[in-house]
Amino acid sequence: MKKNIDLFLSLAVAMVFVIIVFSHMGCGKKTDSTSSTSLPTKVSTDMD
């Protein structure tokens, strides 16, 4: 029984880790796309 609980806990930790990593990757992509539009200097230099 304890072995199953340990396995379940390790699986849960792995799932949480994967979810956090994916959410961070998604946030990184979002911030990258918004930062390029929110920074007028970057946009102006790109237009020049």
C-alpha atoms as a PDB file:
ATOM      1  CA  MET A   1       0.000   0.000   0.000  1.00  0.00           C
ATOM      2  CA  LYS A   2       2.760   2.446   0.912  1.00  0.00           C
ATOM      3  CA  LYS A   3       4.508   1.703  -2.382  1.00  0.00           C
ATOM      4  CA  ASN A   4       1.373   2.678  -4.316  1.00  0.00           C
ATOM      5  CA  ILE A   5       1.067   5.920  -2.324  1.00  0.00           C
ATOM      6  CA  ASP A   6       4.707   6.795  -3.027  1.00  0.00           C
ATOM      7  CA  LEU A   7       4.187   6.083  -6.722  1.00  0.00           C
ATOM      8  CA  PHE A   8       1.054   8.235  -6.776  1.00  0.00           C
ATOM      9  CA  LEU A   9       2.853  11.090  -5.001  1.00  0.00           C
ATOM     10  CA  SER A  10       5.791  10.976  -7.407  1.00  0.00           C
ATOM     11  CA  LEU A  11       3.368  10.907 -10.346  1.00  0.00           C
ATOM     12  CA  ALA A  12       1.447  13.885  -8.949  1.00  0.00           C
ATOM     13  CA  VAL A  13       4.682  15.841  -8.456  1.00  0.00           C
ATOM     14  CA  ALA A  14       5.731  15.046 -12.024  1.00  0.00           C
ATOM     15  CA  MET A  15       2.340  16.176 -13.351  1.00  0.00           C
ATOM     16  CA  VAL A  16       2.504  19.452 -11.397  1.00  0.00           C
ATOM     17  CA  PHE A  17       6.069  20.033 -12.633  1.00  0.00           C
ATOM     18  CA  VAL A  18       5.016  19.475 -16.254  1.00  0.00           C
ATOM     19  CA  ILE A  19       2.007  21.779 -15.857  1.00  0.00           C
ATOM     20  CA  ILE A  20       4.173  24.523 -14.321  1.00  0.00           C
ATOM     21  CA  VAL A  21       6.769  24.205 -17.089  1.00  0.00           C
ATOM     22  CA  PHE A  22       4.113  24.354 -19.813  1.00  0.00           C
ATOM     23  CA  SER A  23       2.383  27.330 -18.185  1.00  0.00           C
ATOM     24  CA  HIS A  24       5.719  29.152 -17.901  1.00  0.00           C
ATOM     25  CA  MET A  25       6.458  28.441 -21.567  1.00  0.00           C
ATOM     26  CA  GLY A  26       3.027  29.782 -22.522  1.00  0.00           C
ATOM     27  CA  CYS A  27       3.513  32.887 -20.379  1.00  0.00           C
ATOM     28  CA  GLY A  28       6.947  33.430 -21.930  1.00  0.00           C
ATOM     29  CA  LYS A  29       5.447  33.352 -25.413  1.00  0.00           C
ATOM     30  CA  LYS A  30       2.675  35.751 -24.345  1.00  0.00           C
ATOM     31  CA  THR A  31       5.089  38.235 -22.735  1.00  0.00           C
ATOM     32  CA  ASP A  32       7.331  38.090 -25.821  1.00  0.00           C
ATOM     33  CA  SER A  33       4.440  38.950 -28.159  1.00  0.00           C
ATOM     34  CA  THR A  34       3.093  41.705 -25.874  1.00  0.00           C
ATOM     35  CA  SER A  35       6.511  43.219 -25.092  1.00  0.00           C
ATOM     36  CA  SER A  36       7.215  43.761 -28.807  1.00  0.00           C
ATOM     37  CA  THR A  37       3.931  45.691 -29.158  1.00  0.00           C
ATOM     38  CA  SER A  38       4.084  47.491 -25.788  1.00  0.00           C
ATOM     39  CA  LEU A  39       7.583  48.874 -26.457  1.00  0.00           C
ATOM     40  CA  PRO A  40       7.191  51.824 -28.858  1.00  0.00           C
ATOM     41  CA  THR A  41      10.977  52.213 -29.197  1.00  0.00           C
ATOM     42  CA  LYS A  42      11.351  48.673 -30.506  1.00  0.00           C
ATOM     43  CA  VAL A  43       8.484  49.145 -32.969  1.00  0.00           C
ATOM     44  CA  SER A  44       9.823  52.503 -34.169  1.00  0.00           C
ATOM     45  CA  THR A  45      13.319  51.079 -34.714  1.00  0.00           C
ATOM     46  CA  ASP A  46      11.799  48.170 -36.641  1.00  0.00           C
ATOM     47  CA  MET A  47       9.855  50.628 -38.833  1.00  0.00           C
ATOM     48  CA  ASP A  48      12.981  52.716 -39.452  1.00  0.00           C
END
